Every structure is written in C-alpha cells, then in structure tokens.
Amino acid sequence: MDVVTLFITFFILGTVLGAGLQYYREKEKKKTYKIIEMEIIENLKELKPYVAPDESRRYTKEFDLVEIALTYDIEDIIVVNDEGFVVASTLRDAEDVGAIGLGVYEYIKKFHGNVKKIIIQKDDEYIHIYPLKHHDENVYVIIESKVMLEVLEEKEILMRVHEILEKYFENIDALEKETSKEEAVIA
C-alpha cells in the first residue's frame, strides 16, 4: 500500500504542478500579447503617414488631423479655403484633391442653393464635403472614408477640425500683427 499511496501522491503533485505551470505560461503569454498590442497601437500613429491604401499619395508628418483620422477610421481629411488652397491636410499632395472637392461643392451649390453637406459614394469609399465658416473665412472640410459617417461623428469631427483651425488661424493672426508692427517701424 505504501507504493500505491506514494504513486497517488506523486501523481496528484505532478498534476497540480503541471496545471500551475500551464496557468503561469498562459498568464505570461496574455501579458506579452497585451504589451505587443499596446506597442502596435502607439506605433500606428507614426505609421499613418507612411502606410496608405493609395500608394500614389504621400502623407504628412503633422499629427493634428491624423489623430482625428485614426480616431474615426477616416482615410484623409483636407481643409481648403474659397480658392481651393489647402489650409490643413493629412496628405502632402492634397492640392489636387482639395481643388476638385471644392469644385464639386461649388458646382452642386450652383444648382441647389443652400447646401449643408455633400456625400459622394464611389465603390466602397465615401467623400464627405462640409462648408465651415471660420474667422469670417469660408473653409471646406473634405473627408474620405471607407464608411458612411454618422451625424454625431460628423459633428465631433467638425468640432475637432474647427479647434485645429483655430490653432492655425491664431498663428496667422500673430504673424499678421508682427508684420504690421514691422511695417510701422519701417515707415
């Protein structure tokens, strides 16, 4: 009987140790996956300018609009003024896209008057064009996305874009004041 008791004792001890070791390995594996997941999320913000679905486009290194784009799963955000000049963008080469988007908006506005927004669907992609008034300037936000934006998302995105534009226009106002002071000193 001593042999049977000894066998059962070692069997139970081996089973408990094996289960404990397996639990520890699974716990460490989950911990490693969590660390890798957090690193991937942090690095996505850095990768957005370099990884693009459209290889012909180059993305900016400015992360103000890129952060919004990543938050809402948006491909691109382009802000243009009345003349189609780019004010802010997630793309480096946004001049053509911005001018075309503004042209589409102006064309539709000519026929339909007071247009609040334009949504164009092409294949599995949506182009949203929104007019904004900022510091007595008309600006247009052009958003390219793979999904149709909800109304609440639209409002949140436009509010965040407005805050970014506020930062840009503050810099322009400061430069204008500085320039006018220099002109006054020269005169």
Protein backbone atom coordinates (compact mmCIF):
# COMPACT_ATOMS: atom_id res chain seq x y z
CA MET A 1 0.00 0.00 0.00
CA ASP A 2 2.88 2.35 0.54
CA VAL A 3 3.72 2.15 -3.15
CA VAL A 4 0.13 2.98 -4.18
CA THR A 5 -0.03 5.92 -1.73
CA LEU A 6 3.33 7.14 -2.95
CA PHE A 7 2.17 6.84 -6.60
CA ILE A 8 -1.09 8.71 -5.94
CA THR A 9 0.77 11.42 -4.00
CA PHE A 10 3.29 11.96 -6.81
CA PHE A 11 0.53 11.80 -9.44
CA ILE A 12 -1.50 14.50 -7.66
CA LEU A 13 1.62 16.58 -7.05
CA GLY A 14 2.66 16.27 -10.72
CA THR A 15 -0.82 17.16 -11.93
CA VAL A 16 -1.00 20.24 -9.69
CA LEU A 17 2.50 21.38 -10.69
CA GLY A 18 1.72 20.79 -14.39
CA ALA A 19 -1.55 22.72 -14.17
CA GLY A 20 0.18 25.53 -12.26
CA LEU A 21 2.98 25.70 -14.82
CA GLN A 22 0.44 25.74 -17.67
CA TYR A 23 -1.54 28.55 -15.93
CA TYR A 24 1.66 30.58 -15.44
CA ARG A 25 2.63 30.17 -19.12
CA GLU A 26 -0.84 31.26 -20.30
CA LYS A 27 -0.73 34.26 -17.98
CA GLU A 28 2.69 35.29 -19.32
CA LYS A 29 1.51 34.78 -22.90
CA LYS A 30 -1.52 37.09 -22.34
CA LYS A 31 0.76 39.65 -20.71
CA THR A 32 3.11 39.56 -23.70
CA TYR A 33 0.20 39.90 -26.14
CA LYS A 34 -1.11 42.90 -24.21
CA ILE A 35 2.31 44.61 -24.32
CA ILE A 36 2.62 43.95 -28.06
CA GLU A 37 -0.92 45.24 -28.65
CA MET A 38 -0.18 48.48 -26.80
CA GLU A 39 3.05 48.96 -28.79
CA ILE A 40 1.17 48.41 -32.05
CA ILE A 41 -1.48 50.97 -31.09
CA GLU A 42 1.17 53.53 -30.15
CA ASN A 43 3.10 52.97 -33.37
CA LEU A 44 0.02 53.24 -35.61
CA LYS A 45 0.08 57.00 -35.21
CA GLU A 46 3.63 57.07 -36.51
CA LEU A 47 2.87 54.68 -39.38
CA LYS A 48 -0.16 56.57 -40.77
CA PRO A 49 1.95 58.99 -42.82
CA TYR A 50 3.92 56.18 -44.41
CA VAL A 51 1.31 53.47 -44.91
CA ALA A 52 -1.50 54.40 -47.23
CA PRO A 53 -4.11 52.48 -49.16
CA ASP A 54 -3.32 54.62 -52.19
CA GLU A 55 0.40 54.35 -52.86
CA SER A 56 0.42 57.44 -55.07
CA ARG A 57 -0.33 59.65 -52.06
CA ARG A 58 2.22 60.86 -49.55
CA TYR A 59 1.03 61.61 -46.04
CA THR A 60 2.09 64.49 -43.82
CA LYS A 61 4.00 64.17 -40.59
CA GLU A 62 1.63 66.58 -38.83
CA PHE A 63 -0.42 64.60 -36.36
CA ASP A 64 -3.26 67.01 -35.57
CA LEU A 65 -5.59 65.87 -38.36
CA VAL A 66 -4.01 62.41 -38.49
CA GLU A 67 -5.11 61.84 -34.90
CA ILE A 68 -8.69 62.65 -35.86
CA ALA A 69 -8.44 60.38 -38.89
CA LEU A 70 -7.15 57.48 -36.79
CA THR A 71 -9.81 58.02 -34.13
CA TYR A 72 -12.71 57.84 -36.58
CA ASP A 73 -11.23 55.39 -39.13
CA ILE A 74 -11.02 58.07 -41.81
CA GLU A 75 -8.71 57.80 -44.79
CA ASP A 76 -7.99 61.51 -45.38
CA ILE A 77 -9.02 64.95 -44.13
CA ILE A 78 -8.39 68.01 -46.29
CA VAL A 79 -9.34 71.57 -45.38
CA VAL A 80 -9.36 74.12 -48.22
CA ASN A 81 -10.31 77.80 -48.47
CA ASP A 82 -12.54 79.59 -51.02
CA GLU A 83 -9.90 79.41 -53.74
CA GLY A 84 -9.14 75.72 -53.22
CA PHE A 85 -5.83 76.28 -51.44
CA VAL A 86 -5.09 73.71 -48.76
CA VAL A 87 -5.23 75.06 -45.20
CA ALA A 88 -4.59 71.73 -43.44
CA SER A 89 -4.45 68.12 -44.57
CA THR A 90 -3.42 64.59 -43.73
CA LEU A 91 -1.95 64.36 -47.25
CA ARG A 92 1.17 66.07 -48.53
CA ASP A 93 -0.14 66.29 -52.08
CA ALA A 94 -3.67 67.40 -51.24
CA GLU A 95 -3.81 70.38 -53.64
CA ASP A 96 -5.47 68.46 -56.47
CA VAL A 97 -7.92 66.59 -54.25
CA GLY A 98 -8.81 69.78 -52.37
CA ALA A 99 -9.39 71.81 -55.52
CA ILE A 100 -11.51 69.06 -57.11
CA GLY A 101 -13.57 68.66 -53.91
CA LEU A 102 -14.21 72.40 -53.78
CA GLY A 103 -15.13 72.40 -57.48
CA VAL A 104 -17.67 69.62 -56.92
CA TYR A 105 -19.15 71.51 -53.98
CA GLU A 106 -19.42 74.78 -55.93
CA TYR A 107 -20.96 73.02 -58.93
CA ILE A 108 -23.68 71.38 -56.83
CA LYS A 109 -24.25 74.60 -54.87
CA LYS A 110 -24.85 76.45 -58.15
CA PHE A 111 -27.85 74.24 -58.87
CA HIS A 112 -29.20 73.60 -55.38
CA GLY A 113 -28.53 76.79 -53.42
CA ASN A 114 -28.04 76.36 -49.68
CA VAL A 115 -26.06 73.10 -49.43
CA LYS A 116 -25.14 71.90 -45.92
CA LYS A 117 -23.02 68.91 -46.93
CA ILE A 118 -22.31 66.67 -49.87
CA ILE A 119 -21.72 62.93 -49.64
CA ILE A 120 -20.42 61.04 -52.65
CA GLN A 121 -20.22 57.25 -52.67
CA LYS A 122 -17.84 55.54 -55.05
CA ASP A 123 -17.44 51.77 -54.75
CA ASP A 124 -16.64 51.17 -51.09
CA GLU A 125 -15.48 54.72 -50.37
CA TYR A 126 -17.28 57.88 -49.30
CA ILE A 127 -16.30 61.50 -49.85
CA HIS A 128 -17.89 64.00 -47.47
CA ILE A 129 -17.67 67.73 -48.17
CA TYR A 130 -18.69 70.21 -45.46
CA PRO A 131 -18.64 74.02 -45.62
CA LEU A 132 -17.47 75.83 -42.46
CA LYS A 133 -17.24 79.49 -41.53
CA HIS A 134 -14.08 80.25 -39.57
CA HIS A 135 -12.83 83.77 -38.75
CA ASP A 136 -15.05 85.22 -41.49
CA GLU A 137 -13.39 82.87 -43.96
CA ASN A 138 -15.19 80.11 -45.83
CA VAL A 139 -13.35 76.83 -45.48
CA TYR A 140 -14.36 73.40 -46.71
CA VAL A 141 -13.61 70.12 -44.99
CA ILE A 142 -13.22 67.18 -47.36
CA ILE A 143 -13.22 63.76 -45.70
CA GLU A 144 -12.52 60.48 -47.46
CA SER A 145 -13.55 57.35 -45.59
CA LYS A 146 -14.42 53.71 -46.11
CA VAL A 147 -17.60 54.07 -44.03
CA MET A 148 -20.55 56.42 -44.04
CA LEU A 149 -20.14 58.82 -41.11
CA GLU A 150 -22.90 59.07 -38.54
CA VAL A 151 -24.33 62.51 -37.74
CA LEU A 152 -22.75 62.54 -34.27
CA GLU A 153 -19.39 61.54 -35.71
CA GLU A 154 -19.68 64.32 -38.30
CA LYS A 155 -20.31 66.89 -35.59
CA GLU A 156 -17.46 65.63 -33.42
CA ILE A 157 -15.04 65.58 -36.34
CA LEU A 158 -16.03 69.06 -37.49
CA MET A 159 -15.69 70.42 -33.93
CA ARG A 160 -12.21 68.92 -33.63
CA VAL A 161 -11.23 70.25 -37.06
CA HIS A 162 -12.55 73.67 -36.01
CA GLU A 163 -10.28 73.56 -32.92
CA ILE A 164 -7.28 72.72 -35.09
CA LEU A 165 -8.15 75.53 -37.49
CA GLU A 166 -8.34 77.87 -34.50
CA LYS A 167 -4.73 76.98 -33.73
CA TYR A 168 -3.70 77.60 -37.36
CA PHE A 169 -5.53 80.92 -37.58
CA GLU A 170 -4.03 82.07 -34.25
CA ASN A 171 -0.59 81.59 -35.80
CA ILE A 172 -1.67 83.56 -38.89
CA ASP A 173 -3.09 86.38 -36.72
CA ALA A 174 0.17 86.52 -34.75
CA LEU A 175 2.19 86.72 -37.98
CA GLU A 176 -0.06 89.49 -39.35
CA LYS A 177 0.34 91.52 -36.14
CA GLU A 178 4.10 91.01 -36.23
CA THR A 179 4.25 92.05 -39.89
CA SER A 180 2.15 95.18 -39.27
CA LYS A 181 4.43 96.17 -36.37
CA GLU A 182 7.49 95.76 -38.62
CA GLU A 183 5.84 97.83 -41.34
CA ALA A 184 5.04 100.56 -38.80
CA VAL A 185 8.66 100.62 -37.61
CA ILE A 186 9.94 100.81 -41.21
CA ALA A 187 7.56 103.65 -42.12
